[in-house]
Amino acid sequence: MICRQCGTEIADKAIVCYRCGTATTDPIRRPAGIRRRRSPLLSTAVLVLLVLAALFLGEAGRIAPQYQASWELPVAAVLLVIAVVVVIVRIVRR
């Protein structure tokens, strides 16, 4: 077999040319495509929601002693924790 890059005679079972390193066959797998970078709009929206949730929790914590049977504070805390987890997962996946 003759190398298609440099013209050196190589063994018929060779995978690459020993002289130039060119593969003797085309690759079976194609290279992975480059993913487009996402718009920062979603991250910005999540950040704004986190800030609003923090402000809400701060206000709810300030007035909560007046309303001992309030359910908004635990619900807001759970939503804030979920939002933080989502942001952390998105940052790690990048």
N, C-alpha and C. Protein backbone atom coordinates (compact mmCIF):
# COMPACT_ATOMS: atom_id res chain seq x y z
N MET A 1 0.85 -1.17 0.00
CA MET A 1 0.00 0.00 0.00
C MET A 1 0.90 1.24 0.00
N ILE A 2 0.43 2.28 -0.64
CA ILE A 2 1.16 3.54 -0.73
C ILE A 2 0.44 4.58 0.13
N CYS A 3 1.19 5.31 0.93
CA CYS A 3 0.61 6.38 1.76
C CYS A 3 0.02 7.45 0.85
N ARG A 4 -1.19 7.86 1.16
CA ARG A 4 -1.84 8.87 0.31
C ARG A 4 -1.32 10.28 0.58
N GLN A 5 -0.57 10.47 1.66
CA GLN A 5 -0.02 11.79 1.98
C GLN A 5 1.40 11.98 1.44
N CYS A 6 2.28 11.03 1.80
CA CYS A 6 3.70 11.23 1.45
C CYS A 6 4.21 10.28 0.38
N GLY A 7 3.43 9.27 0.01
CA GLY A 7 3.83 8.36 -1.05
C GLY A 7 4.76 7.23 -0.62
N THR A 8 5.01 7.08 0.66
CA THR A 8 5.87 6.01 1.17
C THR A 8 5.13 4.68 1.09
N GLU A 9 5.87 3.62 0.75
CA GLU A 9 5.26 2.30 0.72
C GLU A 9 5.18 1.78 2.15
N ILE A 10 3.97 1.38 2.54
CA ILE A 10 3.74 0.88 3.90
C ILE A 10 3.03 -0.46 3.82
N ALA A 11 2.98 -1.17 4.94
CA ALA A 11 2.34 -2.49 4.99
C ALA A 11 0.86 -2.37 4.69
N ASP A 12 0.30 -3.44 4.13
CA ASP A 12 -1.13 -3.42 3.78
C ASP A 12 -2.03 -3.32 5.01
N LYS A 13 -1.60 -3.83 6.15
CA LYS A 13 -2.41 -3.80 7.36
C LYS A 13 -2.11 -2.58 8.25
N ALA A 14 -1.31 -1.67 7.78
CA ALA A 14 -0.93 -0.51 8.58
C ALA A 14 -2.14 0.39 8.83
N ILE A 15 -2.18 0.94 10.01
CA ILE A 15 -3.26 1.86 10.38
C ILE A 15 -2.86 3.30 10.07
N VAL A 16 -1.58 3.59 10.30
CA VAL A 16 -1.04 4.91 9.99
C VAL A 16 0.29 4.75 9.27
N CYS A 17 0.68 5.77 8.54
CA CYS A 17 1.97 5.77 7.87
C CYS A 17 3.07 5.96 8.91
N TYR A 18 4.09 5.12 8.87
CA TYR A 18 5.16 5.23 9.86
C TYR A 18 6.02 6.46 9.63
N ARG A 19 5.94 7.04 8.45
CA ARG A 19 6.80 8.18 8.14
C ARG A 19 6.14 9.53 8.46
N CYS A 20 4.88 9.69 8.04
CA CYS A 20 4.22 10.99 8.24
C CYS A 20 3.09 10.95 9.26
N GLY A 21 2.63 9.75 9.63
CA GLY A 21 1.58 9.63 10.64
C GLY A 21 0.17 9.77 10.11
N THR A 22 -0.01 9.85 8.81
CA THR A 22 -1.34 9.98 8.23
C THR A 22 -2.08 8.66 8.33
N ALA A 23 -3.37 8.72 8.67
CA ALA A 23 -4.19 7.51 8.75
C ALA A 23 -4.38 6.93 7.36
N THR A 24 -4.47 5.60 7.31
CA THR A 24 -4.65 4.94 6.01
C THR A 24 -6.11 4.86 5.61
N THR A 25 -7.03 5.03 6.57
CA THR A 25 -8.46 5.02 6.26
C THR A 25 -9.12 6.26 6.84
N ASP A 26 -10.30 6.55 6.37
CA ASP A 26 -11.05 7.68 6.92
C ASP A 26 -11.56 7.30 8.31
N PRO A 27 -11.68 8.26 9.20
CA PRO A 27 -12.17 7.96 10.55
C PRO A 27 -13.61 7.46 10.52
N ILE A 28 -13.92 6.53 11.41
CA ILE A 28 -15.27 5.98 11.48
C ILE A 28 -16.21 6.98 12.15
N ARG A 29 -15.74 7.62 13.17
CA ARG A 29 -16.56 8.59 13.90
C ARG A 29 -16.24 10.00 13.44
N ARG A 30 -17.26 10.80 13.42
CA ARG A 30 -17.06 12.21 13.09
C ARG A 30 -16.76 12.98 14.37
N PRO A 31 -16.00 14.04 14.28
CA PRO A 31 -15.73 14.83 15.49
C PRO A 31 -17.02 15.45 16.03
N ALA A 32 -17.08 15.61 17.32
CA ALA A 32 -18.26 16.19 17.95
C ALA A 32 -18.42 17.63 17.50
N GLY A 33 -19.66 18.00 17.27
CA GLY A 33 -19.95 19.36 16.86
C GLY A 33 -19.76 20.32 18.01
N ILE A 34 -19.46 21.54 17.70
CA ILE A 34 -19.26 22.57 18.70
C ILE A 34 -20.63 23.14 19.06
N ARG A 35 -20.95 23.09 20.35
CA ARG A 35 -22.24 23.62 20.78
C ARG A 35 -22.17 25.14 20.86
N ARG A 36 -23.25 25.74 20.46
CA ARG A 36 -23.31 27.19 20.57
C ARG A 36 -23.47 27.57 22.03
N ARG A 37 -22.86 28.66 22.39
CA ARG A 37 -22.98 29.14 23.76
C ARG A 37 -24.35 29.77 23.94
N ARG A 38 -24.97 29.43 25.02
CA ARG A 38 -26.32 29.93 25.27
C ARG A 38 -26.29 31.40 25.67
N SER A 39 -27.39 32.00 25.46
CA SER A 39 -27.54 33.41 25.83
C SER A 39 -27.53 33.53 27.35
N PRO A 40 -26.95 34.58 27.88
CA PRO A 40 -26.93 34.75 29.34
C PRO A 40 -28.26 35.21 29.91
N LEU A 41 -29.31 35.26 29.07
CA LEU A 41 -30.61 35.75 29.52
C LEU A 41 -31.18 34.88 30.63
N LEU A 42 -31.08 33.56 30.50
CA LEU A 42 -31.64 32.67 31.50
C LEU A 42 -30.90 32.82 32.84
N SER A 43 -29.58 32.90 32.78
CA SER A 43 -28.81 33.07 34.02
C SER A 43 -29.15 34.39 34.69
N THR A 44 -29.33 35.43 33.90
CA THR A 44 -29.69 36.73 34.45
C THR A 44 -31.08 36.69 35.09
N ALA A 45 -32.02 36.02 34.43
CA ALA A 45 -33.37 35.91 34.97
C ALA A 45 -33.36 35.14 36.29
N VAL A 46 -32.59 34.07 36.36
CA VAL A 46 -32.50 33.29 37.60
C VAL A 46 -31.87 34.13 38.70
N LEU A 47 -30.85 34.90 38.37
CA LEU A 47 -30.21 35.76 39.35
C LEU A 47 -31.19 36.80 39.89
N VAL A 48 -31.98 37.39 39.02
CA VAL A 48 -32.98 38.38 39.45
C VAL A 48 -34.01 37.72 40.36
N LEU A 49 -34.44 36.49 40.00
CA LEU A 49 -35.40 35.78 40.84
C LEU A 49 -34.80 35.46 42.22
N LEU A 50 -33.53 35.11 42.24
CA LEU A 50 -32.87 34.84 43.53
C LEU A 50 -32.83 36.10 44.40
N VAL A 51 -32.52 37.22 43.79
CA VAL A 51 -32.47 38.47 44.54
C VAL A 51 -33.86 38.82 45.07
N LEU A 52 -34.89 38.66 44.23
CA LEU A 52 -36.25 38.95 44.68
C LEU A 52 -36.68 38.01 45.80
N ALA A 53 -36.31 36.73 45.67
CA ALA A 53 -36.64 35.76 46.73
C ALA A 53 -35.92 36.11 48.02
N ALA A 54 -34.68 36.53 47.93
CA ALA A 54 -33.93 36.92 49.13
C ALA A 54 -34.57 38.14 49.79
N LEU A 55 -34.98 39.10 48.98
CA LEU A 55 -35.65 40.28 49.53
C LEU A 55 -36.96 39.90 50.20
N PHE A 56 -37.71 39.01 49.56
CA PHE A 56 -38.97 38.55 50.13
C PHE A 56 -38.73 37.82 51.45
N LEU A 57 -37.75 36.95 51.47
CA LEU A 57 -37.47 36.21 52.71
C LEU A 57 -37.00 37.16 53.82
N GLY A 58 -36.23 38.14 53.45
CA GLY A 58 -35.80 39.11 54.45
C GLY A 58 -36.97 39.86 55.04
N GLU A 59 -37.88 40.27 54.19
CA GLU A 59 -39.07 40.98 54.67
C GLU A 59 -39.98 40.03 55.46
N ALA A 60 -40.14 38.81 54.98
CA ALA A 60 -40.99 37.84 55.67
C ALA A 60 -40.40 37.49 57.03
N GLY A 61 -39.09 37.40 57.11
CA GLY A 61 -38.45 37.10 58.38
C GLY A 61 -38.60 38.24 59.38
N ARG A 62 -38.68 39.44 58.86
CA ARG A 62 -38.82 40.60 59.74
C ARG A 62 -40.22 40.69 60.33
N ILE A 63 -41.23 40.31 59.53
CA ILE A 63 -42.61 40.42 60.02
C ILE A 63 -43.17 39.09 60.50
N ALA A 64 -42.42 38.00 60.37
CA ALA A 64 -42.92 36.68 60.75
C ALA A 64 -43.27 36.55 62.23
N PRO A 65 -42.54 37.17 63.15
CA PRO A 65 -42.94 37.02 64.55
C PRO A 65 -44.37 37.50 64.82
N GLN A 66 -44.88 38.41 64.02
CA GLN A 66 -46.26 38.87 64.20
C GLN A 66 -47.26 37.80 63.79
N TYR A 67 -46.89 36.99 62.79
CA TYR A 67 -47.79 35.97 62.25
C TYR A 67 -47.15 34.60 62.45
N GLN A 68 -47.43 33.97 63.53
CA GLN A 68 -46.81 32.68 63.84
C GLN A 68 -47.30 31.56 62.93
N ALA A 69 -48.50 31.66 62.39
CA ALA A 69 -49.06 30.59 61.56
C ALA A 69 -48.83 30.85 60.08
N SER A 70 -47.86 31.64 59.74
CA SER A 70 -47.61 31.99 58.35
C SER A 70 -47.00 30.82 57.59
N TRP A 71 -47.49 30.51 56.39
CA TRP A 71 -46.96 29.43 55.57
C TRP A 71 -46.09 29.96 54.45
N GLU A 72 -46.11 31.28 54.20
CA GLU A 72 -45.34 31.83 53.09
C GLU A 72 -43.84 31.71 53.30
N LEU A 73 -43.40 31.84 54.53
CA LEU A 73 -41.97 31.80 54.80
C LEU A 73 -41.36 30.43 54.47
N PRO A 74 -41.94 29.30 54.90
CA PRO A 74 -41.36 28.00 54.51
C PRO A 74 -41.43 27.75 53.00
N VAL A 75 -42.51 28.16 52.36
CA VAL A 75 -42.62 27.97 50.91
C VAL A 75 -41.57 28.79 50.19
N ALA A 76 -41.37 30.02 50.61
CA ALA A 76 -40.37 30.87 49.98
C ALA A 76 -38.97 30.31 50.21
N ALA A 77 -38.72 29.76 51.38
CA ALA A 77 -37.41 29.17 51.65
C ALA A 77 -37.15 27.97 50.76
N VAL A 78 -38.15 27.12 50.57
CA VAL A 78 -38.00 25.96 49.69
C VAL A 78 -37.75 26.42 48.25
N LEU A 79 -38.48 27.41 47.78
CA LEU A 79 -38.28 27.91 46.42
C LEU A 79 -36.89 28.51 46.25
N LEU A 80 -36.41 29.19 47.27
CA LEU A 80 -35.07 29.77 47.20
C LEU A 80 -34.01 28.67 47.12
N VAL A 81 -34.17 27.63 47.91
CA VAL A 81 -33.21 26.51 47.88
C VAL A 81 -33.23 25.84 46.51
N ILE A 82 -34.40 25.63 45.95
CA ILE A 82 -34.51 25.01 44.62
C ILE A 82 -33.82 25.89 43.58
N ALA A 83 -34.04 27.19 43.64
CA ALA A 83 -33.42 28.10 42.68
C ALA A 83 -31.91 28.07 42.80
N VAL A 84 -31.39 28.05 44.01
CA VAL A 84 -29.94 28.00 44.20
C VAL A 84 -29.37 26.70 43.64
N VAL A 85 -30.05 25.59 43.88
CA VAL A 85 -29.58 24.30 43.34
C VAL A 85 -29.57 24.32 41.82
N VAL A 86 -30.60 24.89 41.21
CA VAL A 86 -30.66 24.96 39.74
C VAL A 86 -29.51 25.80 39.20
N VAL A 87 -29.22 26.91 39.82
CA VAL A 87 -28.13 27.77 39.37
C VAL A 87 -26.80 27.04 39.51
N ILE A 88 -26.57 26.36 40.61
CA ILE A 88 -25.32 25.64 40.81
C ILE A 88 -25.17 24.53 39.78
N VAL A 89 -26.23 23.79 39.50
CA VAL A 89 -26.17 22.71 38.50
C VAL A 89 -25.86 23.29 37.13
N ARG A 90 -26.45 24.40 36.77
CA ARG A 90 -26.19 25.00 35.46
C ARG A 90 -24.76 25.49 35.35
N ILE A 91 -24.21 26.02 36.43
CA ILE A 91 -22.83 26.48 36.40
C ILE A 91 -21.88 25.29 36.26
N VAL A 92 -22.15 24.21 36.97
CA VAL A 92 -21.28 23.04 36.92
C VAL A 92 -21.33 22.38 35.55
N ARG A 93 -22.47 22.39 34.87
CA ARG A 93 -22.62 21.73 33.57
C ARG A 93 -21.88 22.44 32.46
N ARG A 94 -21.52 23.69 32.63
CA ARG A 94 -20.82 24.43 31.57
C ARG A 94 -19.48 23.93 31.31
